[in-house]
Amino acid sequence: MSAQPCSTACLADVSPTATSATRRRRAVALAAALARASTRPPAGDGRRHAVCTAARLLTAAGIRVVVVQPATPWPTGAKLVVANRISWVDDLALRTAVAALPEDDGTIWPGLASIRADQVEAELLRGRSVLVRPEVATTCGTEIGRFVPGRFAPALAAGVPVCPVAVRARVAGRPTTATAQLDGETWWRSAARVLGTADLVLEVHLLPAIAPRRGTTAEVAALAEYAVAGVLEADPPRTITHPPRPRTHAVGLSPRTPAPR
């Protein structure tokens, strides 16, 4: 688990593996998918539109999404879904894999809905599931940052389960940081790296739910954080990223900073 922000060192072994023709084709397809999303407003509650738009953008960028189901199915009804935060790529993948309204974390997509942080509890009380990403900042994808306990308060207040999700990127079966969007990095720079990566797979691991009202926000945050870390730490270590550090859960962390747009 990372105690410090990820840096450009995390990207040291990432280089284009797709041909220049493939990169150009993907760039054109991604631009077309973005234009289509901007001109076609969602119908109804927007869920079908969000799934189709996100899937179209991912396909254009050459990304395949694999969803790993939990050993025990998630409860029905409203739930707070929490996931690690890497970049715009996992934001799109989560929209296709999880039926939950995302909280606005700074990534803006045309035609794709999100809600403010102060609306999360109200939406849960209305019976709608909400997706939040409770890390303080984005990581490179092979690390996980601290989960801010306050992000879990709406779930405890509404009495709904917390459902952790671990997202990790793979190339040829091995972890990669190609999907990262580090603090201060532009969307275009991150997109160029994604478009240049061949055979990119994004795994979305749905993990067992944490029962509602189980402990304090700090305790629930720690349980969710450890569950997600267990998936990411199953990968072999990468020496260019942060060295392994003991996992301790801090209480009273400051609010997370928004992801680069």
C-alpha atoms as a PDB file:
ATOM      1  CA  MET A   1       0.000   0.000   0.000  1.00  0.00           C
ATOM      2  CA  SER A   2       1.292   3.374  -0.941  1.00  0.00           C
ATOM      3  CA  ALA A   3       2.014   5.928   1.762  1.00  0.00           C
ATOM      4  CA  GLN A   4       3.209   8.481  -0.808  1.00  0.00           C
ATOM      5  CA  PRO A   5       1.752   9.699  -4.118  1.00  0.00           C
ATOM      6  CA  CYS A   6       2.620   7.715  -7.200  1.00  0.00           C
ATOM      7  CA  SER A   7       5.156   9.390  -9.493  1.00  0.00           C
ATOM      8  CA  THR A   8       6.472   9.149 -13.039  1.00  0.00           C
ATOM      9  CA  ALA A   9       8.764   6.357 -11.811  1.00  0.00           C
ATOM     10  CA  CYS A  10       5.662   4.162 -11.845  1.00  0.00           C
ATOM     11  CA  LEU A  11       5.536   4.585 -15.636  1.00  0.00           C
ATOM     12  CA  ALA A  12       9.180   3.778 -16.317  1.00  0.00           C
ATOM     13  CA  ASP A  13       8.492   0.448 -18.014  1.00  0.00           C
ATOM     14  CA  VAL A  14       5.470   1.628 -20.048  1.00  0.00           C
ATOM     15  CA  SER A  15       6.163   2.141 -23.744  1.00  0.00           C
ATOM     16  CA  PRO A  16       3.979   1.874 -26.875  1.00  0.00           C
ATOM     17  CA  THR A  17       3.338  -1.715 -27.950  1.00  0.00           C
ATOM     18  CA  ALA A  18       0.572  -1.051 -30.482  1.00  0.00           C
ATOM     19  CA  THR A  19       1.503  -0.155 -34.045  1.00  0.00           C
ATOM     20  CA  SER A  20       1.312   3.444 -35.179  1.00  0.00           C
ATOM     21  CA  ALA A  21      -1.597   2.519 -37.471  1.00  0.00           C
ATOM     22  CA  THR A  22      -3.481   1.012 -34.525  1.00  0.00           C
ATOM     23  CA  ARG A  23      -2.840   4.096 -32.405  1.00  0.00           C
ATOM     24  CA  ARG A  24      -4.172   6.376 -35.138  1.00  0.00           C
ATOM     25  CA  ARG A  25      -7.236   4.195 -35.666  1.00  0.00           C
ATOM     26  CA  ARG A  26      -8.004   4.152 -31.962  1.00  0.00           C
ATOM     27  CA  ALA A  27      -7.577   7.913 -31.666  1.00  0.00           C
ATOM     28  CA  VAL A  28     -10.070   8.505 -34.475  1.00  0.00           C
ATOM     29  CA  ALA A  29     -12.525   5.991 -32.991  1.00  0.00           C
ATOM     30  CA  LEU A  30     -12.242   7.531 -29.525  1.00  0.00           C
ATOM     31  CA  ALA A  31     -12.836  11.040 -30.859  1.00  0.00           C
ATOM     32  CA  ALA A  32     -15.902   9.791 -32.750  1.00  0.00           C
ATOM     33  CA  ALA A  33     -17.254   8.044 -29.652  1.00  0.00           C
ATOM     34  CA  LEU A  34     -16.820  11.207 -27.590  1.00  0.00           C
ATOM     35  CA  ALA A  35     -18.614  13.248 -30.257  1.00  0.00           C
ATOM     36  CA  ARG A  36     -21.477  10.756 -30.344  1.00  0.00           C
ATOM     37  CA  ALA A  37     -21.830  10.884 -26.553  1.00  0.00           C
ATOM     38  CA  SER A  38     -22.034  14.677 -26.678  1.00  0.00           C
ATOM     39  CA  THR A  39     -24.842  14.749 -29.245  1.00  0.00           C
ATOM     40  CA  ARG A  40     -27.087  11.963 -27.918  1.00  0.00           C
ATOM     41  CA  PRO A  41     -28.702  12.808 -24.578  1.00  0.00           C
ATOM     42  CA  PRO A  42     -29.629   9.906 -22.294  1.00  0.00           C
ATOM     43  CA  ALA A  43     -33.167   8.525 -22.231  1.00  0.00           C
ATOM     44  CA  GLY A  44     -35.052   7.480 -19.103  1.00  0.00           C
ATOM     45  CA  ASP A  45     -32.802   7.151 -16.067  1.00  0.00           C
ATOM     46  CA  GLY A  46     -29.718   7.174 -18.280  1.00  0.00           C
ATOM     47  CA  ARG A  47     -28.418   3.759 -17.173  1.00  0.00           C
ATOM     48  CA  ARG A  48     -28.579   2.124 -20.597  1.00  0.00           C
ATOM     49  CA  HIS A  49     -27.072   5.229 -22.202  1.00  0.00           C
ATOM     50  CA  ALA A  50     -24.232   5.268 -19.662  1.00  0.00           C
ATOM     51  CA  VAL A  51     -23.395   1.591 -20.175  1.00  0.00           C
ATOM     52  CA  CYS A  52     -23.467   1.829 -23.976  1.00  0.00           C
ATOM     53  CA  THR A  53     -21.478   5.070 -24.060  1.00  0.00           C
ATOM     54  CA  ALA A  54     -18.829   3.827 -21.637  1.00  0.00           C
ATOM     55  CA  ALA A  55     -18.511   0.523 -23.501  1.00  0.00           C
ATOM     56  CA  ARG A  56     -18.192   2.362 -26.807  1.00  0.00           C
ATOM     57  CA  LEU A  57     -15.407   4.582 -25.442  1.00  0.00           C
ATOM     58  CA  LEU A  58     -13.525   1.625 -23.975  1.00  0.00           C
ATOM     59  CA  THR A  59     -13.802  -0.361 -27.209  1.00  0.00           C
ATOM     60  CA  ALA A  60     -12.561   2.610 -29.214  1.00  0.00           C
ATOM     61  CA  ALA A  61      -9.525   2.879 -26.928  1.00  0.00           C
ATOM     62  CA  GLY A  62      -8.751  -0.826 -27.364  1.00  0.00           C
ATOM     63  CA  ILE A  63      -9.591  -1.851 -23.809  1.00  0.00           C
ATOM     64  CA  ARG A  64     -11.279  -5.130 -22.882  1.00  0.00           C
ATOM     65  CA  VAL A  65     -13.111  -5.312 -19.541  1.00  0.00           C
ATOM     66  CA  VAL A  66     -13.348  -8.543 -17.527  1.00  0.00           C
ATOM     67  CA  VAL A  67     -15.728  -8.631 -14.553  1.00  0.00           C
ATOM     68  CA  VAL A  68     -14.968 -11.095 -11.742  1.00  0.00           C
ATOM     69  CA  GLN A  69     -18.075 -11.829  -9.672  1.00  0.00           C
ATOM     70  CA  PRO A  70     -17.966 -12.062  -5.852  1.00  0.00           C
ATOM     71  CA  ALA A  71     -18.035 -15.427  -4.119  1.00  0.00           C
ATOM     72  CA  THR A  72     -21.292 -14.333  -2.458  1.00  0.00           C
ATOM     73  CA  PRO A  73     -23.687 -12.238  -4.562  1.00  0.00           C
ATOM     74  CA  TRP A  74     -24.169  -8.662  -3.472  1.00  0.00           C
ATOM     75  CA  PRO A  75     -27.374  -7.809  -1.597  1.00  0.00           C
ATOM     76  CA  THR A  76     -30.228  -6.353  -3.592  1.00  0.00           C
ATOM     77  CA  GLY A  77     -31.309  -2.770  -3.048  1.00  0.00           C
ATOM     78  CA  ALA A  78     -29.273   0.338  -2.365  1.00  0.00           C
ATOM     79  CA  LYS A  79     -25.589  -0.072  -1.632  1.00  0.00           C
ATOM     80  CA  LEU A  80     -22.440   2.045  -1.455  1.00  0.00           C
ATOM     81  CA  VAL A  81     -19.947   0.698  -3.978  1.00  0.00           C
ATOM     82  CA  VAL A  82     -16.327   1.704  -3.292  1.00  0.00           C
ATOM     83  CA  ALA A  83     -13.410   1.177  -5.675  1.00  0.00           C
ATOM     84  CA  ASN A  84      -9.764   2.112  -6.001  1.00  0.00           C
ATOM     85  CA  ARG A  85      -9.096   5.093  -8.252  1.00  0.00           C
ATOM     86  CA  ILE A  86      -6.594   4.910 -11.104  1.00  0.00           C
ATOM     87  CA  SER A  87      -7.871   7.082 -13.933  1.00  0.00           C
ATOM     88  CA  TRP A  88     -10.627   7.828 -16.429  1.00  0.00           C
ATOM     89  CA  VAL A  89     -10.305   4.258 -17.718  1.00  0.00           C
ATOM     90  CA  ASP A  90     -11.603   2.574 -14.584  1.00  0.00           C
ATOM     91  CA  ASP A  91     -14.295   5.249 -14.279  1.00  0.00           C
ATOM     92  CA  LEU A  92     -15.694   4.030 -17.612  1.00  0.00           C
ATOM     93  CA  ALA A  93     -15.218   0.349 -16.769  1.00  0.00           C
ATOM     94  CA  LEU A  94     -17.089   0.729 -13.490  1.00  0.00           C
ATOM     95  CA  ARG A  95     -20.011   2.350 -15.305  1.00  0.00           C
ATOM     96  CA  THR A  96     -20.350  -0.778 -17.455  1.00  0.00           C
ATOM     97  CA  ALA A  97     -19.849  -3.279 -14.635  1.00  0.00           C
ATOM     98  CA  VAL A  98     -21.697  -1.760 -11.671  1.00  0.00           C
ATOM     99  CA  ALA A  99     -25.278  -0.483 -11.548  1.00  0.00           C
ATOM    100  CA  ALA A 100     -24.515   2.508  -9.331  1.00  0.00           C
ATOM    101  CA  LEU A 101     -24.604   6.261  -9.832  1.00  0.00           C
ATOM    102  CA  PRO A 102     -21.003   7.565  -9.695  1.00  0.00           C
ATOM    103  CA  GLU A 103     -20.038  10.392  -7.418  1.00  0.00           C
ATOM    104  CA  ASP A 104     -18.327  13.239  -9.250  1.00  0.00           C
ATOM    105  CA  ASP A 105     -14.575  12.846  -8.709  1.00  0.00           C
ATOM    106  CA  GLY A 106     -13.445  15.389 -11.276  1.00  0.00           C
ATOM    107  CA  THR A 107     -13.701  13.231 -14.404  1.00  0.00           C
ATOM    108  CA  ILE A 108     -16.347  14.699 -16.703  1.00  0.00           C
ATOM    109  CA  TRP A 109     -17.910  12.742 -19.564  1.00  0.00           C
ATOM    110  CA  PRO A 110     -20.464  14.221 -21.957  1.00  0.00           C
ATOM    111  CA  GLY A 111     -23.898  12.778 -21.336  1.00  0.00           C
ATOM    112  CA  LEU A 112     -22.823  10.616 -18.381  1.00  0.00           C
ATOM    113  CA  ALA A 113     -24.423  11.496 -15.071  1.00  0.00           C
ATOM    114  CA  SER A 114     -22.730  11.830 -11.695  1.00  0.00           C
ATOM    115  CA  ILE A 115     -23.690  13.311  -8.331  1.00  0.00           C
ATOM    116  CA  ARG A 116     -22.041  15.625  -5.824  1.00  0.00           C
ATOM    117  CA  ALA A 117     -20.536  14.289  -2.608  1.00  0.00           C
ATOM    118  CA  ASP A 118     -23.240  15.973  -0.550  1.00  0.00           C
ATOM    119  CA  GLN A 119     -25.930  14.041  -2.457  1.00  0.00           C
ATOM    120  CA  VAL A 120     -24.651  10.537  -1.727  1.00  0.00           C
ATOM    121  CA  GLU A 121     -26.624   9.907   1.467  1.00  0.00           C
ATOM    122  CA  ALA A 122     -29.845  11.255  -0.039  1.00  0.00           C
ATOM    123  CA  GLU A 123     -29.519   8.975  -3.068  1.00  0.00           C
ATOM    124  CA  LEU A 124     -28.879   5.956  -0.839  1.00  0.00           C
ATOM    125  CA  LEU A 125     -31.969   6.793   1.220  1.00  0.00           C
ATOM    126  CA  ARG A 126     -33.967   6.972  -2.022  1.00  0.00           C
ATOM    127  CA  GLY A 127     -32.962   3.386  -2.730  1.00  0.00           C
ATOM    128  CA  ARG A 128     -30.312   4.098  -5.370  1.00  0.00           C
ATOM    129  CA  SER A 129     -26.832   2.598  -5.295  1.00  0.00           C
ATOM    130  CA  VAL A 130     -23.919   5.032  -5.443  1.00  0.00           C
ATOM    131  CA  LEU A 131     -20.294   4.535  -6.469  1.00  0.00           C
ATOM    132  CA  VAL A 132     -17.518   6.429  -4.685  1.00  0.00           C
ATOM    133  CA  ARG A 133     -13.752   6.147  -4.845  1.00  0.00           C
ATOM    134  CA  PRO A 134     -12.482   6.950  -1.358  1.00  0.00           C
ATOM    135  CA  GLU A 135      -8.733   7.256  -1.918  1.00  0.00           C
ATOM    136  CA  VAL A 136      -7.077  10.590  -1.248  1.00  0.00           C
ATOM    137  CA  ALA A 137      -5.623  10.692  -4.771  1.00  0.00           C
ATOM    138  CA  THR A 138      -5.236   8.559  -7.885  1.00  0.00           C
ATOM    139  CA  THR A 139      -2.610   5.811  -7.897  1.00  0.00           C
ATOM    140  CA  CYS A 140      -0.713   4.053 -10.665  1.00  0.00           C
ATOM    141  CA  GLY A 141      -2.894   0.945 -10.449  1.00  0.00           C
ATOM    142  CA  THR A 142      -0.478  -1.423  -8.753  1.00  0.00           C
ATOM    143  CA  GLU A 143      -0.754   0.469  -5.459  1.00  0.00           C
ATOM    144  CA  ILE A 144      -3.668   1.498  -3.290  1.00  0.00           C
ATOM    145  CA  GLY A 145      -3.930   4.680  -1.262  1.00  0.00           C
ATOM    146  CA  ARG A 146      -5.666   5.296   2.033  1.00  0.00           C
ATOM    147  CA  PHE A 147      -9.447   5.039   2.116  1.00  0.00           C
ATOM    148  CA  VAL A 148     -10.840   8.139   3.825  1.00  0.00           C
ATOM    149  CA  PRO A 149     -13.231   7.013   6.592  1.00  0.00           C
ATOM    150  CA  GLY A 150     -15.568   9.967   6.066  1.00  0.00           C
ATOM    151  CA  ARG A 151     -16.435   8.684   2.591  1.00  0.00           C
ATOM    152  CA  PHE A 152     -18.239   5.760   4.245  1.00  0.00           C
ATOM    153  CA  ALA A 153     -20.419   7.856   6.556  1.00  0.00           C
ATOM    154  CA  PRO A 154     -23.394   7.992   4.119  1.00  0.00           C
ATOM    155  CA  ALA A 155     -23.577   4.182   4.035  1.00  0.00           C
ATOM    156  CA  LEU A 156     -23.682   3.888   7.821  1.00  0.00           C
ATOM    157  CA  ALA A 157     -26.204   6.725   8.084  1.00  0.00           C
ATOM    158  CA  ALA A 158     -28.464   5.120   5.464  1.00  0.00           C
ATOM    159  CA  GLY A 159     -27.949   1.591   6.788  1.00  0.00           C
ATOM    160  CA  VAL A 160     -26.867   0.158   3.434  1.00  0.00           C
ATOM    161  CA  PRO A 161     -24.103  -2.362   2.705  1.00  0.00           C
ATOM    162  CA  VAL A 162     -20.675  -1.352   1.444  1.00  0.00           C
ATOM    163  CA  CYS A 163     -19.537  -3.306  -1.630  1.00  0.00           C
ATOM    164  CA  PRO A 164     -15.787  -3.066  -2.408  1.00  0.00           C
ATOM    165  CA  VAL A 165     -14.455  -3.305  -5.962  1.00  0.00           C
ATOM    166  CA  ALA A 166     -10.825  -3.784  -6.990  1.00  0.00           C
ATOM    167  CA  VAL A 167      -9.759  -2.583 -10.440  1.00  0.00           C
ATOM    168  CA  ARG A 168      -6.450  -3.569 -11.999  1.00  0.00           C
ATOM    169  CA  ALA A 169      -4.999  -3.400 -15.500  1.00  0.00           C
ATOM    170  CA  ARG A 170      -3.195  -6.308 -17.182  1.00  0.00           C
ATOM    171  CA  VAL A 171      -1.163  -6.847 -20.313  1.00  0.00           C
ATOM    172  CA  ALA A 172      -0.306 -10.443 -21.218  1.00  0.00           C
ATOM    173  CA  GLY A 173      -1.536 -11.502 -17.782  1.00  0.00           C
ATOM    174  CA  ARG A 174       0.800  -9.189 -15.880  1.00  0.00           C
ATOM    175  CA  PRO A 175       0.054  -5.913 -14.062  1.00  0.00           C
ATOM    176  CA  THR A 176       0.639  -2.668 -15.924  1.00  0.00           C
ATOM    177  CA  THR A 177       0.504   1.019 -15.070  1.00  0.00           C
ATOM    178  CA  ALA A 178      -0.444   1.987 -18.625  1.00  0.00           C
ATOM    179  CA  THR A 179      -3.913   3.130 -17.534  1.00  0.00           C
ATOM    180  CA  ALA A 180      -2.637   5.531 -14.876  1.00  0.00           C
ATOM    181  CA  GLN A 181      -3.417   9.227 -14.808  1.00  0.00           C
ATOM    182  CA  LEU A 182      -1.074  10.608 -12.186  1.00  0.00           C
ATOM    183  CA  ASP A 183      -1.646  13.762 -10.202  1.00  0.00           C
ATOM    184  CA  GLY A 184      -1.172  16.770 -12.503  1.00  0.00           C
ATOM    185  CA  GLU A 185      -1.089  14.669 -15.687  1.00  0.00           C
ATOM    186  CA  THR A 186      -3.413  15.709 -18.510  1.00  0.00           C
ATOM    187  CA  TRP A 187      -6.128  13.449 -19.860  1.00  0.00           C
ATOM    188  CA  TRP A 188      -4.524  13.578 -23.312  1.00  0.00           C
ATOM    189  CA  ARG A 189      -1.203  12.288 -22.027  1.00  0.00           C
ATOM    190  CA  SER A 190      -2.887   9.429 -20.218  1.00  0.00           C
ATOM    191  CA  ALA A 191      -5.066   8.654 -23.247  1.00  0.00           C
ATOM    192  CA  ALA A 192      -2.028   8.524 -25.537  1.00  0.00           C
ATOM    193  CA  ARG A 193      -0.437   5.928 -23.278  1.00  0.00           C
ATOM    194  CA  VAL A 194      -3.624   3.825 -23.264  1.00  0.00           C
ATOM    195  CA  LEU A 195      -4.053   4.043 -27.043  1.00  0.00           C
ATOM    196  CA  GLY A 196      -0.470   2.870 -27.468  1.00  0.00           C
ATOM    197  CA  THR A 197      -0.885  -0.276 -25.361  1.00  0.00           C
ATOM    198  CA  ALA A 198      -1.756  -3.521 -27.119  1.00  0.00           C
ATOM    199  CA  ASP A 199      -3.890  -6.258 -25.514  1.00  0.00           C
ATOM    200  CA  LEU A 200      -4.925  -4.091 -22.558  1.00  0.00           C
ATOM    201  CA  VAL A 201      -7.371  -5.767 -20.163  1.00  0.00           C
ATOM    202  CA  LEU A 202      -9.046  -4.085 -17.222  1.00  0.00           C
ATOM    203  CA  GLU A 203     -10.195  -6.465 -14.499  1.00  0.00           C
ATOM    204  CA  VAL A 204     -13.093  -5.400 -12.274  1.00  0.00           C
ATOM    205  CA  HIS A 205     -13.229  -7.607  -9.166  1.00  0.00           C
ATOM    206  CA  LEU A 206     -16.519  -7.398  -7.260  1.00  0.00           C
ATOM    207  CA  LEU A 207     -15.702  -8.335  -3.654  1.00  0.00           C
ATOM    208  CA  PRO A 208     -17.966  -9.593  -0.833  1.00  0.00           C
ATOM    209  CA  ALA A 209     -20.222  -6.967   0.709  1.00  0.00           C
ATOM    210  CA  ILE A 210     -19.637  -5.501   4.160  1.00  0.00           C
ATOM    211  CA  ALA A 211     -22.769  -5.580   6.306  1.00  0.00           C
ATOM    212  CA  PRO A 212     -24.474  -2.245   7.095  1.00  0.00           C
ATOM    213  CA  ARG A 213     -23.790  -0.588  10.453  1.00  0.00           C
ATOM    214  CA  ARG A 214     -20.843  -2.848  11.076  1.00  0.00           C
ATOM    215  CA  GLY A 215     -18.560  -0.753  13.249  1.00  0.00           C
ATOM    216  CA  THR A 216     -17.378   2.816  12.797  1.00  0.00           C
ATOM    217  CA  THR A 217     -16.555   4.564   9.545  1.00  0.00           C
ATOM    218  CA  ALA A 218     -12.851   3.960  10.188  1.00  0.00           C
ATOM    219  CA  GLU A 219     -13.434   0.243  10.726  1.00  0.00           C
ATOM    220  CA  VAL A 220     -15.600  -0.139   7.620  1.00  0.00           C
ATOM    221  CA  ALA A 221     -13.076   1.873   5.574  1.00  0.00           C
ATOM    222  CA  ALA A 222     -10.292  -0.431   6.764  1.00  0.00           C
ATOM    223  CA  LEU A 223     -12.276  -3.556   5.858  1.00  0.00           C
ATOM    224  CA  ALA A 224     -12.965  -2.235   2.355  1.00  0.00           C
ATOM    225  CA  GLU A 225      -9.392  -1.056   1.902  1.00  0.00           C
ATOM    226  CA  TYR A 226      -7.935  -4.397   2.936  1.00  0.00           C
ATOM    227  CA  ALA A 227     -10.290  -6.263   0.609  1.00  0.00           C
ATOM    228  CA  VAL A 228      -9.213  -4.194  -2.404  1.00  0.00           C
ATOM    229  CA  ALA A 229      -5.539  -4.358  -1.387  1.00  0.00           C
ATOM    230  CA  GLY A 230      -5.771  -8.147  -1.246  1.00  0.00           C
ATOM    231  CA  VAL A 231      -6.506  -8.273  -4.980  1.00  0.00           C
ATOM    232  CA  LEU A 232      -3.813  -5.785  -5.969  1.00  0.00           C
ATOM    233  CA  GLU A 233      -1.169  -7.347  -3.729  1.00  0.00           C
ATOM    234  CA  ALA A 234      -1.774 -10.770  -5.288  1.00  0.00           C
ATOM    235  CA  ASP A 235       0.292  -9.534  -8.243  1.00  0.00           C
ATOM    236  CA  PRO A 236       4.065 -10.033  -8.300  1.00  0.00           C
ATOM    237  CA  PRO A 237       5.948  -6.969  -7.034  1.00  0.00           C
ATOM    238  CA  ARG A 238       7.166  -4.347  -9.499  1.00  0.00           C
ATOM    239  CA  THR A 239      10.462  -2.877  -8.380  1.00  0.00           C
ATOM    240  CA  ILE A 240       9.942   0.480 -10.076  1.00  0.00           C
ATOM    241  CA  THR A 241       6.852   1.242  -8.008  1.00  0.00           C
ATOM    242  CA  HIS A 242       6.629   1.950  -4.329  1.00  0.00           C
ATOM    243  CA  PRO A 243       8.245  -0.679  -2.090  1.00  0.00           C
ATOM    244  CA  PRO A 244       5.829  -2.653   0.087  1.00  0.00           C
ATOM    245  CA  ARG A 245       4.802  -0.840   3.249  1.00  0.00           C
ATOM    246  CA  PRO A 246       2.939  -2.027   6.342  1.00  0.00           C
ATOM    247  CA  ARG A 247      -0.804  -1.522   6.021  1.00  0.00           C
ATOM    248  CA  THR A 248      -2.169   0.700   8.734  1.00  0.00           C
ATOM    249  CA  HIS A 249      -5.365   2.675   8.539  1.00  0.00           C
ATOM    250  CA  ALA A 250      -5.230   6.322   9.516  1.00  0.00           C
ATOM    251  CA  VAL A 251      -8.257   8.164  10.848  1.00  0.00           C
ATOM    252  CA  GLY A 252      -9.070  11.793  10.131  1.00  0.00           C
ATOM    253  CA  LEU A 253      -7.480  12.126   6.727  1.00  0.00           C
ATOM    254  CA  SER A 254      -8.181  15.265   4.755  1.00  0.00           C
ATOM    255  CA  PRO A 255     -10.675  15.112   1.854  1.00  0.00           C
ATOM    256  CA  ARG A 256      -9.328  13.673  -1.353  1.00  0.00           C
ATOM    257  CA  THR A 257      -8.121  15.889  -4.148  1.00  0.00           C
ATOM    258  CA  PRO A 258     -10.057  15.723  -7.421  1.00  0.00           C
ATOM    259  CA  ALA A 259      -8.681  13.626 -10.254  1.00  0.00           C
ATOM    260  CA  PRO A 260      -7.195  15.504 -13.195  1.00  0.00           C
ATOM    261  CA  ARG A 261      -9.781  16.294 -15.837  1.00  0.00           C
END
